[in-house]
C-alpha atoms as a PDB file:
ATOM      1  CA  MET A   1      -0.142   0.328   0.116  1.00  0.00           C
ATOM      2  CA  LYS A   2       2.869   2.476   0.894  1.00  0.00           C
ATOM      3  CA  LYS A   3       3.547   1.993  -3.141  1.00  0.00           C
ATOM      4  CA  ILE A   4       0.007   3.324  -4.070  1.00  0.00           C
ATOM      5  CA  LEU A   5       0.488   5.613  -1.618  1.00  0.00           C
ATOM      6  CA  SER A   6       2.949   7.427  -2.421  1.00  0.00           C
ATOM      7  CA  LEU A   7       2.532   7.466  -6.119  1.00  0.00           C
ATOM      8  CA  LEU A   8      -1.373   8.567  -5.615  1.00  0.00           C
ATOM      9  CA  PHE A   9      -0.128  11.349  -3.223  1.00  0.00           C
ATOM     10  CA  GLU A  10       1.905  12.585  -6.533  1.00  0.00           C
ATOM     11  CA  HIS A  11      -0.865  13.243  -8.411  1.00  0.00           C
ATOM     12  CA  LYS A  12      -0.614  10.145 -10.525  1.00  0.00           C
ATOM     13  CA  THR A  13      -3.751   8.104 -11.412  1.00  0.00           C
ATOM     14  CA  LEU A  14      -4.072   4.408 -11.541  1.00  0.00           C
ATOM     15  CA  ASP A  15      -5.028   2.042 -14.483  1.00  0.00           C
ATOM     16  CA  ARG A  16      -7.353  -0.383 -14.101  1.00  0.00           C
ATOM     17  CA  THR A  17      -5.184  -3.990 -13.241  1.00  0.00           C
ATOM     18  CA  ALA A  18      -3.426  -1.702 -10.090  1.00  0.00           C
ATOM     19  CA  ALA A  19      -6.600  -0.304  -9.635  1.00  0.00           C
ATOM     20  CA  LYS A  20      -8.342  -4.193  -9.059  1.00  0.00           C
ATOM     21  CA  GLU A  21      -5.370  -5.633  -7.679  1.00  0.00           C
ATOM     22  CA  VAL A  22      -5.435  -2.440  -4.346  1.00  0.00           C
ATOM     23  CA  LEU A  23      -8.998  -3.144  -3.863  1.00  0.00           C
ATOM     24  CA  VAL A  24      -9.271  -6.722  -3.884  1.00  0.00           C
ATOM     25  CA  ASN A  25      -6.729  -6.367  -1.131  1.00  0.00           C
ATOM     26  CA  ILE A  26      -8.852  -4.375   1.009  1.00  0.00           C
ATOM     27  CA  GLY A  27     -11.198  -7.293   0.506  1.00  0.00           C
ATOM     28  CA  LYS A  28      -8.627  -9.167   1.257  1.00  0.00           C
ATOM     29  CA  GLY A  29      -7.889  -7.724   4.641  1.00  0.00           C
ATOM     30  CA  VAL A  30      -4.231  -7.230   3.796  1.00  0.00           C
ATOM     31  CA  TYR A  31      -3.685  -3.626   3.795  1.00  0.00           C
ATOM     32  CA  ASN A  32      -4.746  -2.207   7.547  1.00  0.00           C
ATOM     33  CA  GLU A  33      -7.190   0.104   9.279  1.00  0.00           C
ATOM     34  CA  HIS A  34      -4.931   3.398   8.684  1.00  0.00           C
ATOM     35  CA  GLU A  35      -3.827   2.582   5.233  1.00  0.00           C
ATOM     36  CA  VAL A  36      -7.530   2.452   3.692  1.00  0.00           C
ATOM     37  CA  THR A  37      -8.379   5.578   5.532  1.00  0.00           C
ATOM     38  CA  SER A  38      -5.114   6.933   3.815  1.00  0.00           C
ATOM     39  CA  PHE A  39      -5.867   5.111   0.144  1.00  0.00           C
ATOM     40  CA  MET A  40      -9.932   6.641   0.772  1.00  0.00           C
ATOM     41  CA  THR A  41      -8.832  10.032   1.432  1.00  0.00           C
ATOM     42  CA  VAL A  42      -6.941  10.027  -1.826  1.00  0.00           C
ATOM     43  CA  TYR A  43     -10.396  10.000  -3.555  1.00  0.00           C
ATOM     44  CA  LEU A  44     -11.889  12.528  -1.102  1.00  0.00           C
ATOM     45  CA  MET A  45      -9.720  15.059  -2.346  1.00  0.00           C
ATOM     46  CA  ARG A  46      -9.429  14.617  -6.188  1.00  0.00           C
ATOM     47  CA  SER A  47     -12.016  12.887  -9.133  1.00  0.00           C
ATOM     48  CA  ILE A  48     -11.894   9.221  -9.817  1.00  0.00           C
ATOM     49  CA  THR A  49     -10.258   8.373 -12.864  1.00  0.00           C
ATOM     50  CA  LEU A  50     -12.663   5.483 -15.644  1.00  0.00           C
ATOM     51  CA  PRO A  51      -9.693   3.475 -15.138  1.00  0.00           C
ATOM     52  CA  GLU A  52      -9.960   3.425 -11.337  1.00  0.00           C
ATOM     53  CA  LEU A  53     -13.007   3.084 -11.326  1.00  0.00           C
ATOM     54  CA  GLN A  54     -13.244  -0.394 -13.942  1.00  0.00           C
ATOM     55  CA  GLY A  55     -10.681  -1.378 -12.343  1.00  0.00           C
ATOM     56  CA  PHE A  56     -12.411  -1.313  -8.938  1.00  0.00           C
ATOM     57  CA  GLN A  57     -15.582  -2.569 -10.254  1.00  0.00           C
ATOM     58  CA  ASP A  58     -13.523  -5.312 -11.182  1.00  0.00           C
ATOM     59  CA  ALA A  59     -12.012  -6.174  -8.331  1.00  0.00           C
ATOM     60  CA  LEU A  60     -15.994  -6.297  -6.161  1.00  0.00           C
ATOM     61  CA  LEU A  61     -17.529  -7.930  -9.146  1.00  0.00           C
ATOM     62  CA  GLU A  62     -14.346 -10.663  -9.035  1.00  0.00           C
ATOM     63  CA  LEU A  63     -14.908 -11.292  -4.743  1.00  0.00           C
ATOM     64  CA  CYS A  64     -18.296 -10.956  -4.902  1.00  0.00           C
ATOM     65  CA  LEU A  65     -20.852 -13.605  -4.079  1.00  0.00           C
ATOM     66  CA  PRO A  66     -22.855 -13.981  -7.338  1.00  0.00           C
ATOM     67  CA  MET A  67     -27.379 -14.832  -7.272  1.00  0.00           C
ATOM     68  CA  GLU A  68     -28.435 -16.944  -9.978  1.00  0.00           C
ATOM     69  CA  PHE A  69     -32.175 -16.014 -10.930  1.00  0.00           C
ATOM     70  CA  ASP A  70     -32.758 -18.275 -13.776  1.00  0.00           C
ATOM     71  CA  GLY A  71     -35.310 -17.067 -15.966  1.00  0.00           C
ATOM     72  CA  MET A  72     -36.123 -13.382 -14.188  1.00  0.00           C
ATOM     73  CA  ASP A  73     -35.687  -9.854 -15.792  1.00  0.00           C
ATOM     74  CA  THR A  74     -34.870  -8.099 -12.409  1.00  0.00           C
ATOM     75  CA  ILE A  75     -34.787  -4.794 -12.009  1.00  0.00           C
ATOM     76  CA  ASP A  76     -32.678  -2.256  -9.617  1.00  0.00           C
ATOM     77  CA  ILE A  77     -32.890   1.084  -8.779  1.00  0.00           C
ATOM     78  CA  VAL A  78     -30.106   2.845  -7.357  1.00  0.00           C
ATOM     79  CA  GLY A  79     -28.909   5.967  -6.296  1.00  0.00           C
ATOM     80  CA  THR A  80     -24.389   6.118  -4.696  1.00  0.00           C
ATOM     81  CA  GLY A  81     -26.043   8.782  -2.049  1.00  0.00           C
ATOM     82  CA  GLY A  82     -23.423  11.486  -0.949  1.00  0.00           C
ATOM     83  CA  ASP A  83     -25.667  14.143  -2.263  1.00  0.00           C
ATOM     84  CA  GLY A  84     -26.465  15.780   1.359  1.00  0.00           C
ATOM     85  CA  LYS A  85     -29.991  16.625   0.538  1.00  0.00           C
ATOM     86  CA  ASN A  86     -31.358  14.011   3.576  1.00  0.00           C
ATOM     87  CA  THR A  87     -34.532  12.928   1.419  1.00  0.00           C
ATOM     88  CA  PHE A  88     -36.493  10.064   2.190  1.00  0.00           C
ATOM     89  CA  ASN A  89     -35.961   6.392   0.569  1.00  0.00           C
ATOM     90  CA  ILE A  90     -36.594   7.674  -2.269  1.00  0.00           C
ATOM     91  CA  SER A  91     -35.779   4.761  -4.312  1.00  0.00           C
ATOM     92  CA  THR A  92     -36.441   2.231  -2.597  1.00  0.00           C
ATOM     93  CA  LEU A  93     -40.055   3.237  -2.091  1.00  0.00           C
ATOM     94  CA  SER A  94     -39.918   2.988  -5.866  1.00  0.00           C
ATOM     95  CA  CYS A  95     -38.660  -1.007  -5.702  1.00  0.00           C
ATOM     96  CA  PHE A  96     -41.673  -1.742  -4.089  1.00  0.00           C
ATOM     97  CA  ILE A  97     -43.914  -0.162  -6.954  1.00  0.00           C
ATOM     98  CA  VAL A  98     -41.717  -0.647  -9.466  1.00  0.00           C
ATOM     99  CA  ALA A  99     -42.112  -4.837  -7.804  1.00  0.00           C
ATOM    100  CA  GLY A 100     -46.130  -3.877  -7.543  1.00  0.00           C
ATOM    101  CA  THR A 101     -47.095  -3.886 -11.484  1.00  0.00           C
ATOM    102  CA  GLY A 102     -45.483  -7.352 -11.419  1.00  0.00           C
ATOM    103  CA  ASN A 103     -41.473  -6.608 -12.711  1.00  0.00           C
ATOM    104  CA  LYS A 104     -38.986  -8.422 -10.328  1.00  0.00           C
ATOM    105  CA  VAL A 105     -36.534  -6.237  -7.957  1.00  0.00           C
ATOM    106  CA  THR A 106     -33.179  -7.237  -7.059  1.00  0.00           C
ATOM    107  CA  LYS A 107     -32.633  -4.319  -4.243  1.00  0.00           C
ATOM    108  CA  HIS A 108     -29.419  -3.527  -3.967  1.00  0.00           C
ATOM    109  CA  GLY A 109     -28.429  -1.696  -0.883  1.00  0.00           C
ATOM    110  CA  ASN A 110     -26.205  -0.865   2.722  1.00  0.00           C
ATOM    111  CA  TYR A 111     -26.661   1.093   6.027  1.00  0.00           C
ATOM    112  CA  GLY A 112     -26.617   4.621   5.636  1.00  0.00           C
ATOM    113  CA  ALA A 113     -22.373   6.009   5.826  1.00  0.00           C
ATOM    114  CA  SER A 114     -23.218   9.721   4.583  1.00  0.00           C
ATOM    115  CA  THR A 115     -26.334   9.795   5.226  1.00  0.00           C
ATOM    116  CA  ILE A 116     -29.296   9.013   8.378  1.00  0.00           C
ATOM    117  CA  SER A 117     -31.647   6.257   6.829  1.00  0.00           C
ATOM    118  CA  GLY A 118     -30.029   3.889   4.060  1.00  0.00           C
ATOM    119  CA  SER A 119     -31.930   1.477   2.091  1.00  0.00           C
ATOM    120  CA  SER A 120     -30.766  -1.420   4.740  1.00  0.00           C
ATOM    121  CA  ASN A 121     -31.692   1.156   7.765  1.00  0.00           C
ATOM    122  CA  VAL A 122     -35.244   1.118   6.843  1.00  0.00           C
ATOM    123  CA  VAL A 123     -36.074  -2.458   4.889  1.00  0.00           C
ATOM    124  CA  GLU A 124     -34.500  -3.873   8.408  1.00  0.00           C
ATOM    125  CA  SER A 125     -36.644  -2.050  10.419  1.00  0.00           C
ATOM    126  CA  MET A 126     -39.126  -2.840   8.665  1.00  0.00           C
ATOM    127  CA  GLY A 127     -38.858  -6.544   9.695  1.00  0.00           C
ATOM    128  CA  TYR A 128     -36.466  -7.799   6.879  1.00  0.00           C
ATOM    129  CA  ARG A 129     -33.996  -9.893   7.664  1.00  0.00           C
ATOM    130  CA  PHE A 130     -30.906 -10.308   5.347  1.00  0.00           C
ATOM    131  CA  LYS A 131     -29.381 -13.381   3.573  1.00  0.00           C
ATOM    132  CA  ASN A 132     -27.571 -14.266   0.640  1.00  0.00           C
ATOM    133  CA  ASP A 133     -29.120 -17.336   0.483  1.00  0.00           C
ATOM    134  CA  ASN A 134     -30.105 -17.723  -3.279  1.00  0.00           C
ATOM    135  CA  ALA A 135     -32.783 -20.277  -2.898  1.00  0.00           C
ATOM    136  CA  ALA A 136     -34.835 -18.054   0.029  1.00  0.00           C
ATOM    137  CA  LEU A 137     -34.113 -14.944  -2.264  1.00  0.00           C
ATOM    138  CA  ARG A 138     -35.850 -16.341  -5.525  1.00  0.00           C
ATOM    139  CA  ARG A 139     -38.635 -16.998  -3.593  1.00  0.00           C
ATOM    140  CA  GLU A 140     -38.758 -13.950  -2.224  1.00  0.00           C
ATOM    141  CA  LEU A 141     -38.307 -12.798  -5.842  1.00  0.00           C
ATOM    142  CA  GLU A 142     -41.083 -15.256  -7.049  1.00  0.00           C
ATOM    143  CA  GLU A 143     -44.019 -14.786  -3.989  1.00  0.00           C
ATOM    144  CA  ALA A 144     -43.095 -10.794  -3.429  1.00  0.00           C
ATOM    145  CA  ASN A 145     -41.614  -9.724  -6.855  1.00  0.00           C
ATOM    146  CA  ILE A 146     -38.546  -8.360  -4.693  1.00  0.00           C
ATOM    147  CA  CYS A 147     -35.996  -9.318  -2.695  1.00  0.00           C
ATOM    148  CA  PHE A 148     -33.005  -6.883  -0.768  1.00  0.00           C
ATOM    149  CA  LEU A 149     -29.816  -7.899  -1.127  1.00  0.00           C
ATOM    150  CA  HIS A 150     -27.311  -5.748   1.430  1.00  0.00           C
ATOM    151  CA  ALA A 151     -24.125  -5.003   0.665  1.00  0.00           C
ATOM    152  CA  PRO A 152     -22.112  -6.788   2.596  1.00  0.00           C
ATOM    153  CA  LEU A 153     -23.208 -10.250   2.985  1.00  0.00           C
ATOM    154  CA  PHE A 154     -22.300 -10.560  -0.896  1.00  0.00           C
ATOM    155  CA  HIS A 155     -18.764  -7.897  -0.851  1.00  0.00           C
ATOM    156  CA  PRO A 156     -16.344  -8.597   1.360  1.00  0.00           C
ATOM    157  CA  ALA A 157     -14.498  -5.235   0.881  1.00  0.00           C
ATOM    158  CA  LEU A 158     -17.351  -3.094   1.520  1.00  0.00           C
ATOM    159  CA  LYS A 159     -17.807  -5.010   5.057  1.00  0.00           C
ATOM    160  CA  ASN A 160     -14.233  -4.004   5.282  1.00  0.00           C
ATOM    161  CA  VAL A 161     -15.012  -0.846   5.188  1.00  0.00           C
ATOM    162  CA  GLY A 162     -18.288  -0.516   6.519  1.00  0.00           C
ATOM    163  CA  PRO A 163     -16.697   1.428   9.991  1.00  0.00           C
ATOM    164  CA  ILE A 164     -14.333   3.122   8.667  1.00  0.00           C
ATOM    165  CA  ARG A 165     -17.041   4.873   6.250  1.00  0.00           C
ATOM    166  CA  LYS A 166     -19.519   5.200   8.617  1.00  0.00           C
ATOM    167  CA  ASN A 167     -16.732   7.006  11.041  1.00  0.00           C
ATOM    168  CA  LEU A 168     -15.639   9.284   8.067  1.00  0.00           C
ATOM    169  CA  GLY A 169     -19.420   9.996   7.633  1.00  0.00           C
ATOM    170  CA  ILE A 170     -18.831  11.625   4.248  1.00  0.00           C
ATOM    171  CA  ARG A 171     -18.987   9.954   0.632  1.00  0.00           C
ATOM    172  CA  THR A 172     -16.185   7.885  -0.444  1.00  0.00           C
ATOM    173  CA  PHE A 173     -15.805   6.627  -3.723  1.00  0.00           C
ATOM    174  CA  PHE A 174     -17.631   3.475  -2.762  1.00  0.00           C
ATOM    175  CA  ASN A 175     -20.960   5.674  -2.958  1.00  0.00           C
ATOM    176  CA  MET A 176     -19.879   5.046  -6.531  1.00  0.00           C
ATOM    177  CA  LEU A 177     -19.156   1.303  -7.024  1.00  0.00           C
ATOM    178  CA  GLY A 178     -22.761   0.696  -5.029  1.00  0.00           C
ATOM    179  CA  PRO A 179     -24.281   0.826  -8.404  1.00  0.00           C
ATOM    180  CA  LEU A 180     -21.853  -0.792 -10.259  1.00  0.00           C
ATOM    181  CA  VAL A 181     -21.745  -4.157  -8.379  1.00  0.00           C
ATOM    182  CA  ASN A 182     -25.468  -5.830  -7.441  1.00  0.00           C
ATOM    183  CA  PRO A 183     -24.634  -9.787  -6.858  1.00  0.00           C
ATOM    184  CA  ALA A 184     -28.014 -10.989  -9.073  1.00  0.00           C
ATOM    185  CA  PHE A 185     -26.268  -8.384 -12.226  1.00  0.00           C
ATOM    186  CA  PRO A 186     -29.794  -7.136 -13.095  1.00  0.00           C
ATOM    187  CA  ALA A 187     -30.838  -6.508 -16.688  1.00  0.00           C
ATOM    188  CA  PHE A 188     -32.166  -2.933 -15.922  1.00  0.00           C
ATOM    189  CA  SER A 189     -30.198  -0.559 -13.780  1.00  0.00           C
ATOM    190  CA  ILE A 190     -31.852   3.082 -13.037  1.00  0.00           C
ATOM    191  CA  ILE A 191     -28.614   4.725 -11.414  1.00  0.00           C
ATOM    192  CA  GLY A 192     -28.837   8.194  -9.514  1.00  0.00           C
ATOM    193  CA  VAL A 193     -25.961   9.976  -9.398  1.00  0.00           C
ATOM    194  CA  TYR A 194     -24.822  13.313  -7.526  1.00  0.00           C
ATOM    195  CA  ASN A 195     -23.498  15.348 -10.555  1.00  0.00           C
ATOM    196  CA  LEU A 196     -22.803  15.485 -13.914  1.00  0.00           C
ATOM    197  CA  GLU A 197     -19.209  14.476 -14.263  1.00  0.00           C
ATOM    198  CA  MET A 198     -20.635  11.528 -12.677  1.00  0.00           C
ATOM    199  CA  ALA A 199     -22.979  11.353 -14.940  1.00  0.00           C
ATOM    200  CA  ARG A 200     -20.679  10.653 -17.851  1.00  0.00           C
ATOM    201  CA  LEU A 201     -18.700   8.008 -16.037  1.00  0.00           C
ATOM    202  CA  TYR A 202     -21.526   6.263 -15.668  1.00  0.00           C
ATOM    203  CA  ASN A 203     -22.828   6.624 -18.998  1.00  0.00           C
ATOM    204  CA  TYR A 204     -19.058   5.645 -20.235  1.00  0.00           C
ATOM    205  CA  LEU A 205     -19.461   1.986 -18.128  1.00  0.00           C
ATOM    206  CA  MET A 206     -22.994   1.575 -18.498  1.00  0.00           C
ATOM    207  CA  GLN A 207     -22.539   1.592 -22.684  1.00  0.00           C
ATOM    208  CA  GLN A 208     -19.492  -0.061 -22.959  1.00  0.00           C
ATOM    209  CA  GLN A 209     -21.895  -3.212 -20.945  1.00  0.00           C
ATOM    210  CA  SER A 210     -24.466  -3.096 -22.543  1.00  0.00           C
ATOM    211  CA  LYS A 211     -26.779  -2.576 -20.380  1.00  0.00           C
ATOM    212  CA  ASN A 212     -30.297  -1.048 -20.289  1.00  0.00           C
ATOM    213  CA  PHE A 213     -30.160   1.799 -18.355  1.00  0.00           C
ATOM    214  CA  ALA A 214     -31.347   5.128 -17.192  1.00  0.00           C
ATOM    215  CA  ILE A 215     -28.885   7.549 -15.525  1.00  0.00           C
ATOM    216  CA  VAL A 216     -30.964  10.495 -13.013  1.00  0.00           C
ATOM    217  CA  HIS A 217     -29.289  13.587 -12.151  1.00  0.00           C
ATOM    218  CA  GLY A 218     -31.808  16.115 -10.289  1.00  0.00           C
ATOM    219  CA  LEU A 219     -29.914  19.273 -11.873  1.00  0.00           C
ATOM    220  CA  ASP A 220     -29.977  21.106  -8.327  1.00  0.00           C
ATOM    221  CA  GLY A 221     -27.424  18.460  -6.613  1.00  0.00           C
ATOM    222  CA  TYR A 222     -29.829  15.273  -6.097  1.00  0.00           C
ATOM    223  CA  ASP A 223     -28.819  11.795  -6.103  1.00  0.00           C
ATOM    224  CA  GLU A 224     -32.604  10.871  -8.011  1.00  0.00           C
ATOM    225  CA  ILE A 225     -35.547  12.422  -9.259  1.00  0.00           C
ATOM    226  CA  SER A 226     -35.712  15.038  -7.306  1.00  0.00           C
ATOM    227  CA  LEU A 227     -38.236  17.221  -8.718  1.00  0.00           C
ATOM    228  CA  THR A 228     -37.378  20.180  -6.817  1.00  0.00           C
ATOM    229  CA  GLY A 229     -35.777  21.391 -10.572  1.00  0.00           C
ATOM    230  CA  ASP A 230     -35.465  20.040 -13.745  1.00  0.00           C
ATOM    231  CA  SER A 231     -33.275  16.525 -14.052  1.00  0.00           C
ATOM    232  CA  LYS A 232     -31.386  15.144 -16.161  1.00  0.00           C
ATOM    233  CA  VAL A 233     -32.038  11.590 -17.946  1.00  0.00           C
ATOM    234  CA  ILE A 234     -29.412   9.539 -19.636  1.00  0.00           C
ATOM    235  CA  THR A 235     -30.563   6.123 -21.364  1.00  0.00           C
ATOM    236  CA  ALA A 236     -28.599   3.986 -24.617  1.00  0.00           C
ATOM    237  CA  THR A 237     -30.421   6.148 -26.783  1.00  0.00           C
ATOM    238  CA  GLY A 238     -29.332   9.457 -25.379  1.00  0.00           C
ATOM    239  CA  GLU A 239     -29.516  11.822 -23.203  1.00  0.00           C
ATOM    240  CA  GLN A 240     -32.361  14.845 -21.866  1.00  0.00           C
ATOM    241  CA  VAL A 241     -33.156  17.327 -19.564  1.00  0.00           C
ATOM    242  CA  TRP A 242     -36.884  16.929 -18.202  1.00  0.00           C
ATOM    243  CA  SER A 243     -38.424  19.666 -15.571  1.00  0.00           C
ATOM    244  CA  ALA A 244     -40.769  18.843 -12.513  1.00  0.00           C
ATOM    245  CA  THR A 245     -43.955  19.487 -14.071  1.00  0.00           C
ATOM    246  CA  GLU A 246     -43.036  16.665 -17.437  1.00  0.00           C
ATOM    247  CA  LEU A 247     -41.895  14.475 -14.858  1.00  0.00           C
ATOM    248  CA  GLY A 248     -43.994  14.172 -12.033  1.00  0.00           C
ATOM    249  CA  GLY A 249     -46.729  16.537 -12.219  1.00  0.00           C
ATOM    250  CA  MET A 250     -45.661  19.821  -9.984  1.00  0.00           C
ATOM    251  CA  GLU A 251     -42.134  21.116  -9.365  1.00  0.00           C
ATOM    252  CA  VAL A 252     -41.901  20.319  -5.254  1.00  0.00           C
ATOM    253  CA  THR A 253     -39.946  22.293  -2.376  1.00  0.00           C
ATOM    254  CA  PRO A 254     -36.477  20.457  -1.149  1.00  0.00           C
ATOM    255  CA  GLU A 255     -38.282  20.097   3.111  1.00  0.00           C
ATOM    256  CA  SER A 256     -41.195  18.547   0.944  1.00  0.00           C
ATOM    257  CA  ILE A 257     -39.265  15.164   0.544  1.00  0.00           C
ATOM    258  CA  ARG A 258     -36.206  15.390   3.697  1.00  0.00           C
ATOM    259  CA  GLY A 259     -36.489  12.651   5.679  1.00  0.00           C
ATOM    260  CA  GLY A 260     -36.483  12.323   9.195  1.00  0.00           C
ATOM    261  CA  ASP A 261     -33.649  12.594  11.935  1.00  0.00           C
ATOM    262  CA  THR A 262     -33.825   8.824  13.267  1.00  0.00           C
ATOM    263  CA  ILE A 263     -33.896   6.069  11.623  1.00  0.00           C
ATOM    264  CA  GLU A 264     -37.475   5.037  13.284  1.00  0.00           C
ATOM    265  CA  ALA A 265     -39.071   8.926  12.152  1.00  0.00           C
ATOM    266  CA  ALA A 266     -37.104   8.110   7.744  1.00  0.00           C
ATOM    267  CA  ALA A 267     -38.907   4.455   8.728  1.00  0.00           C
ATOM    268  CA  ASN A 268     -42.172   6.012   9.118  1.00  0.00           C
ATOM    269  CA  ILE A 269     -41.965   8.173   6.632  1.00  0.00           C
ATOM    270  CA  PHE A 270     -41.656   5.042   4.328  1.00  0.00           C
ATOM    271  CA  SER A 271     -44.565   3.533   5.853  1.00  0.00           C
ATOM    272  CA  ASP A 272     -46.998   6.301   5.603  1.00  0.00           C
ATOM    273  CA  ILE A 273     -45.916   6.595   1.792  1.00  0.00           C
ATOM    274  CA  ILE A 274     -45.857   2.730   0.369  1.00  0.00           C
ATOM    275  CA  GLN A 275     -49.623   2.697   2.234  1.00  0.00           C
ATOM    276  CA  ALA A 276     -49.983   5.811   0.242  1.00  0.00           C
ATOM    277  CA  LYS A 277     -50.569   8.350   3.137  1.00  0.00           C
ATOM    278  CA  GLY A 278     -47.833  10.147   1.834  1.00  0.00           C
ATOM    279  CA  THR A 279     -47.666  13.963   0.942  1.00  0.00           C
ATOM    280  CA  LEU A 280     -48.533  14.458  -2.705  1.00  0.00           C
ATOM    281  CA  GLN A 281     -45.500  16.133  -2.863  1.00  0.00           C
ATOM    282  CA  GLN A 282     -43.255  12.816  -1.804  1.00  0.00           C
ATOM    283  CA  GLU A 283     -45.817  10.839  -3.794  1.00  0.00           C
ATOM    284  CA  ALA A 284     -44.729  12.369  -7.456  1.00  0.00           C
ATOM    285  CA  VAL A 285     -41.042  11.938  -7.152  1.00  0.00           C
ATOM    286  CA  VAL A 286     -41.763   8.263  -5.950  1.00  0.00           C
ATOM    287  CA  LEU A 287     -43.389   7.703  -8.290  1.00  0.00           C
ATOM    288  CA  ALA A 288     -41.420   9.983 -11.039  1.00  0.00           C
ATOM    289  CA  ASN A 289     -38.291   7.658 -10.545  1.00  0.00           C
ATOM    290  CA  ALA A 290     -40.598   4.282 -11.113  1.00  0.00           C
ATOM    291  CA  ALA A 291     -41.735   5.807 -14.151  1.00  0.00           C
ATOM    292  CA  VAL A 292     -38.074   6.024 -15.378  1.00  0.00           C
ATOM    293  CA  ALA A 293     -37.758   2.729 -13.947  1.00  0.00           C
ATOM    294  CA  LEU A 294     -40.626   0.610 -15.680  1.00  0.00           C
ATOM    295  CA  GLN A 295     -40.134   2.467 -19.104  1.00  0.00           C
ATOM    296  CA  VAL A 296     -36.391   1.250 -18.995  1.00  0.00           C
ATOM    297  CA  THR A 297     -38.156  -2.408 -19.053  1.00  0.00           C
ATOM    298  CA  GLY A 298     -39.591  -1.419 -22.266  1.00  0.00           C
ATOM    299  CA  VAL A 299     -42.874  -2.650 -21.111  1.00  0.00           C
ATOM    300  CA  TYR A 300     -44.587   0.828 -21.828  1.00  0.00           C
ATOM    301  CA  PRO A 301     -44.836   2.119 -24.948  1.00  0.00           C
ATOM    302  CA  ASN A 302     -44.033   5.923 -23.224  1.00  0.00           C
ATOM    303  CA  TYR A 303     -42.885   7.593 -19.721  1.00  0.00           C
ATOM    304  CA  THR A 304     -47.092   8.867 -19.474  1.00  0.00           C
ATOM    305  CA  ASP A 305     -48.575   5.049 -19.415  1.00  0.00           C
ATOM    306  CA  ALA A 306     -44.966   4.170 -17.187  1.00  0.00           C
ATOM    307  CA  PHE A 307     -45.980   7.076 -14.650  1.00  0.00           C
ATOM    308  CA  GLU A 308     -49.732   5.584 -14.830  1.00  0.00           C
ATOM    309  CA  ALA A 309     -48.468   2.502 -13.853  1.00  0.00           C
ATOM    310  CA  ALA A 310     -46.793   3.287 -11.095  1.00  0.00           C
ATOM    311  CA  LYS A 311     -49.500   5.191  -9.473  1.00  0.00           C
ATOM    312  CA  GLU A 312     -52.075   2.173  -9.805  1.00  0.00           C
ATOM    313  CA  SER A 313     -49.366  -0.169  -8.162  1.00  0.00           C
ATOM    314  CA  LEU A 314     -49.332   2.347  -5.326  1.00  0.00           C
ATOM    315  CA  ARG A 315     -52.919   3.387  -4.450  1.00  0.00           C
ATOM    316  CA  SER A 316     -54.325   0.390  -5.189  1.00  0.00           C
ATOM    317  CA  GLY A 317     -51.776  -0.765  -2.478  1.00  0.00           C
ATOM    318  CA  LYS A 318     -50.279  -3.613  -5.089  1.00  0.00           C
ATOM    319  CA  ALA A 319     -46.888  -2.178  -3.938  1.00  0.00           C
ATOM    320  CA  TYR A 320     -47.830  -2.613   0.196  1.00  0.00           C
ATOM    321  CA  GLN A 321     -48.630  -5.901  -0.610  1.00  0.00           C
ATOM    322  CA  CYS A 322     -45.372  -6.521  -1.592  1.00  0.00           C
ATOM    323  CA  LEU A 323     -43.479  -5.298   1.711  1.00  0.00           C
ATOM    324  CA  GLN A 324     -46.353  -7.149   3.115  1.00  0.00           C
ATOM    325  CA  ARG A 325     -45.936 -10.544   1.798  1.00  0.00           C
ATOM    326  CA  LEU A 326     -41.789 -10.137   1.454  1.00  0.00           C
ATOM    327  CA  ILE A 327     -41.676  -9.465   5.474  1.00  0.00           C
ATOM    328  CA  ALA A 328     -43.969 -11.985   5.918  1.00  0.00           C
ATOM    329  CA  LEU A 329     -41.457 -14.496   4.276  1.00  0.00           C
ATOM    330  CA  GLN A 330     -38.839 -13.633   6.774  1.00  0.00           C
END
């Protein structure tokens, strides 16, 4: 690690092979806590390069415990986190709405490192038990249309750096990696990013991997469609800036989509929204993100139809039924 750190401190970058090697070693516990912290600190001070991101992704996928769900084309909606906005769990709620339409969702997530309540925090508080048993997860997919993949159970490197990330309390390059290393290798990916530079990197990576994807970015700094202003949506066919009104029928205030100050408060907000008891602003934001995901599947001919399908899933109670079935299986 000393050689790597010296190289990075001289403002040099890693090639893809070297980046992969160092993250494999982190995953295997080769380095001590101070070395890993120093390595992560470098990327708090400068942007990650494309070869470095590719190498880190290679390492995590090589080390991960893969899940196989043959015959199922699944989808994931995930944000990088680290936007500092403390919104409620928009991506996770959107996943349940998508599941309520009959699509299969393999949600990849973790505890909040730079936010109060990550996706793992909220589903665990609802009664979900984390697991990496392929058969049990497949049963959840078949019966509830959704399963949850708690990242540390599938990625040893993420488990090893978890305490360090929590102690730092700010976004690190591991925020960037989470959306790229879903162990179920979903056919469809919707990734929320907190800046346009990150959107450019993800776009290149996803194009190289021939994925059906959408990259979303709230232009006022959100790693999701926030409806607090315009949003950029990038897909394999191009990119477009959408207004809040076009995506959700309204523009909302930042205050209206804030999460709670505790995990319990975040869970209460989640519970209200999934039961169609949230505010119109909260509902609009969740439906917009779910609609983009549904459109990526190709099942819906246009965004309007996808949005209506998302609305029907939430308001009919189908999204909530998916949550209830999932918890009943624990």
